[in-house]
N, C-alpha and C. Protein backbone atom coordinates (compact mmCIF):
# COMPACT_ATOMS: atom_id res chain seq x y z
N UNK A 1 59.38 65.03 209.48
CA UNK A 1 59.58 64.12 208.38
C UNK A 1 59.48 62.69 208.90
N UNK A 2 58.74 61.86 208.20
CA UNK A 2 58.57 60.47 208.60
C UNK A 2 59.51 59.55 207.82
N UNK A 3 60.14 58.64 208.51
CA UNK A 3 61.00 57.67 207.85
C UNK A 3 60.30 56.33 207.85
N UNK A 4 60.60 55.52 206.85
CA UNK A 4 60.02 54.18 206.79
C UNK A 4 61.12 53.16 207.05
N UNK A 5 60.72 52.09 207.68
CA UNK A 5 61.64 51.00 207.98
C UNK A 5 61.23 49.78 207.18
N UNK A 6 62.15 49.19 206.46
CA UNK A 6 61.86 47.97 205.72
C UNK A 6 61.94 46.79 206.70
N UNK A 7 61.00 45.90 206.55
CA UNK A 7 60.98 44.70 207.42
C UNK A 7 61.19 43.46 206.58
N UNK A 8 61.87 42.48 207.18
CA UNK A 8 62.10 41.20 206.51
C UNK A 8 61.44 40.10 207.32
N UNK A 9 60.72 39.22 206.64
CA UNK A 9 60.11 38.06 207.30
C UNK A 9 61.16 36.94 207.42
N UNK A 10 60.86 35.95 208.21
CA UNK A 10 61.82 34.88 208.50
C UNK A 10 62.42 34.20 207.28
N UNK A 11 61.64 33.83 206.25
CA UNK A 11 62.28 33.16 205.09
C UNK A 11 63.37 34.02 204.44
N UNK A 12 63.17 35.32 204.39
CA UNK A 12 64.15 36.22 203.80
C UNK A 12 65.38 36.35 204.70
N UNK A 13 65.15 36.45 206.01
CA UNK A 13 66.27 36.52 206.95
C UNK A 13 67.09 35.25 206.87
N UNK A 14 66.42 34.10 206.80
CA UNK A 14 67.13 32.84 206.67
C UNK A 14 67.97 32.79 205.42
N UNK A 15 67.40 33.21 204.30
CA UNK A 15 68.13 33.19 203.02
C UNK A 15 69.32 34.11 203.03
N UNK A 16 69.17 35.28 203.62
CA UNK A 16 70.26 36.28 203.59
C UNK A 16 71.33 36.02 204.62
N UNK A 17 71.02 35.33 205.71
CA UNK A 17 72.04 35.06 206.73
C UNK A 17 72.64 33.67 206.60
N UNK A 18 71.93 32.76 205.95
CA UNK A 18 72.40 31.39 205.86
C UNK A 18 72.16 30.59 207.13
N UNK A 19 71.36 31.12 208.05
CA UNK A 19 71.07 30.47 209.31
C UNK A 19 69.73 29.77 209.26
N UNK A 20 69.58 28.69 210.02
CA UNK A 20 68.29 28.02 210.13
C UNK A 20 67.40 28.78 211.11
N UNK A 21 66.12 28.43 211.09
CA UNK A 21 65.17 29.06 212.01
C UNK A 21 65.59 28.88 213.45
N UNK A 22 65.97 27.67 213.81
CA UNK A 22 66.35 27.44 215.22
C UNK A 22 67.65 28.18 215.59
N UNK A 23 68.57 28.32 214.66
CA UNK A 23 69.81 29.06 214.92
C UNK A 23 69.50 30.55 215.13
N UNK A 24 68.61 31.08 214.33
CA UNK A 24 68.25 32.49 214.48
C UNK A 24 67.66 32.73 215.87
N UNK A 25 66.67 31.89 216.24
CA UNK A 25 66.01 32.10 217.53
C UNK A 25 66.95 31.80 218.70
N UNK A 26 67.88 30.87 218.55
CA UNK A 26 68.86 30.61 219.59
C UNK A 26 69.77 31.83 219.78
N UNK A 27 70.15 32.45 218.69
CA UNK A 27 70.99 33.64 218.75
C UNK A 27 70.23 34.83 219.32
N UNK A 28 68.95 34.92 218.99
CA UNK A 28 68.10 35.99 219.59
C UNK A 28 68.09 35.79 221.09
N UNK A 29 67.88 34.55 221.55
CA UNK A 29 67.83 34.27 223.00
C UNK A 29 69.16 34.56 223.66
N UNK A 30 70.25 34.34 222.96
CA UNK A 30 71.59 34.57 223.50
C UNK A 30 71.99 36.06 223.41
N UNK A 31 71.19 36.85 222.69
CA UNK A 31 71.50 38.27 222.54
C UNK A 31 72.51 38.57 221.46
N UNK A 32 72.76 37.60 220.58
CA UNK A 32 73.75 37.83 219.51
C UNK A 32 73.13 38.08 218.14
N UNK A 33 71.82 38.15 218.08
CA UNK A 33 71.13 38.45 216.84
C UNK A 33 69.98 39.39 217.19
N UNK A 34 69.65 40.33 216.30
CA UNK A 34 68.57 41.30 216.60
C UNK A 34 67.25 40.61 216.92
N UNK A 35 66.50 41.18 217.85
CA UNK A 35 65.19 40.68 218.20
C UNK A 35 64.19 41.05 217.09
N UNK A 36 63.26 40.14 216.81
CA UNK A 36 62.23 40.46 215.83
C UNK A 36 61.19 41.43 216.41
N UNK A 37 60.42 42.03 215.53
CA UNK A 37 59.35 42.94 215.91
C UNK A 37 58.02 42.25 215.62
N UNK A 38 57.10 42.28 216.55
CA UNK A 38 55.78 41.71 216.32
C UNK A 38 55.03 42.61 215.34
N UNK A 39 54.53 41.99 214.26
CA UNK A 39 53.78 42.73 213.26
C UNK A 39 52.32 42.27 213.21
N UNK A 40 52.00 41.34 214.06
CA UNK A 40 50.66 40.80 214.13
C UNK A 40 50.59 39.81 215.29
N UNK A 41 49.44 39.23 215.55
CA UNK A 41 49.30 38.32 216.65
C UNK A 41 50.23 37.09 216.54
N UNK A 42 50.49 36.63 215.33
CA UNK A 42 51.33 35.46 215.15
C UNK A 42 52.38 35.70 214.10
N UNK A 43 52.82 36.91 213.91
CA UNK A 43 53.78 37.23 212.86
C UNK A 43 54.85 38.18 213.40
N UNK A 44 56.09 37.89 213.01
CA UNK A 44 57.21 38.77 213.37
C UNK A 44 58.04 39.07 212.14
N UNK A 45 58.85 40.11 212.25
CA UNK A 45 59.75 40.49 211.16
C UNK A 45 60.94 41.18 211.80
N UNK A 46 62.02 41.26 211.03
CA UNK A 46 63.22 41.94 211.49
C UNK A 46 63.41 43.20 210.70
N UNK A 47 63.94 44.25 211.35
CA UNK A 47 64.25 45.46 210.61
C UNK A 47 65.39 45.12 209.65
N UNK A 48 65.24 45.50 208.42
CA UNK A 48 66.15 45.13 207.36
C UNK A 48 67.59 45.51 207.69
N UNK A 49 67.81 46.72 208.12
CA UNK A 49 69.19 47.17 208.35
C UNK A 49 69.81 46.41 209.50
N UNK A 50 69.06 46.01 210.53
CA UNK A 50 69.62 45.25 211.65
C UNK A 50 69.97 43.84 211.24
N UNK A 51 69.07 43.18 210.52
CA UNK A 51 69.30 41.80 210.11
C UNK A 51 70.48 41.70 209.13
N UNK A 52 70.57 42.66 208.23
CA UNK A 52 71.65 42.60 207.23
C UNK A 52 72.98 43.08 207.80
N UNK A 53 72.97 44.10 208.65
CA UNK A 53 74.21 44.56 209.26
C UNK A 53 74.81 43.46 210.13
N UNK A 54 73.98 42.67 210.78
CA UNK A 54 74.48 41.59 211.60
C UNK A 54 75.41 40.67 210.82
N UNK A 55 75.01 40.33 209.61
CA UNK A 55 75.82 39.44 208.77
C UNK A 55 77.13 40.04 208.34
N UNK A 56 77.17 41.35 208.19
CA UNK A 56 78.38 42.00 207.70
C UNK A 56 79.44 42.19 208.77
N UNK A 57 79.07 42.13 210.04
CA UNK A 57 80.05 42.35 211.09
C UNK A 57 80.75 41.08 211.53
N UNK A 58 80.56 39.98 210.79
CA UNK A 58 81.29 38.77 211.05
C UNK A 58 80.85 38.01 212.27
N UNK A 59 79.58 37.74 212.42
CA UNK A 59 79.08 37.01 213.56
C UNK A 59 79.05 35.52 213.30
N UNK A 60 80.02 34.98 212.58
CA UNK A 60 80.12 33.53 212.30
C UNK A 60 78.89 33.00 211.61
N UNK A 61 78.51 33.63 210.53
CA UNK A 61 77.32 33.19 209.77
C UNK A 61 77.47 31.75 209.39
N UNK A 62 76.48 30.96 209.73
CA UNK A 62 76.46 29.55 209.36
C UNK A 62 77.18 28.63 210.33
N UNK A 63 77.86 29.14 211.33
CA UNK A 63 78.55 28.26 212.28
C UNK A 63 77.53 27.72 213.27
N UNK A 64 77.90 26.66 213.94
CA UNK A 64 77.00 26.06 214.93
C UNK A 64 77.18 26.69 216.30
N UNK A 65 78.14 27.58 216.46
CA UNK A 65 78.35 28.25 217.74
C UNK A 65 77.28 29.30 217.96
N UNK A 66 76.94 29.49 219.21
CA UNK A 66 76.00 30.56 219.55
C UNK A 66 76.73 31.65 220.25
């Protein structure tokens, strides 16, 4: 049986987490936010359940701390 994974592009991840682009990538670099998946030569996306679960576990959404 094949399962499908929903992917979210950066504008959607920004809207749902309340984080800026630079904050998201800083947290990715720090290991505190899920890494994006390459979906093309110049395009990335995040797995929906990882990006949304991150916000629910209280990772200081919107704070300036990394």
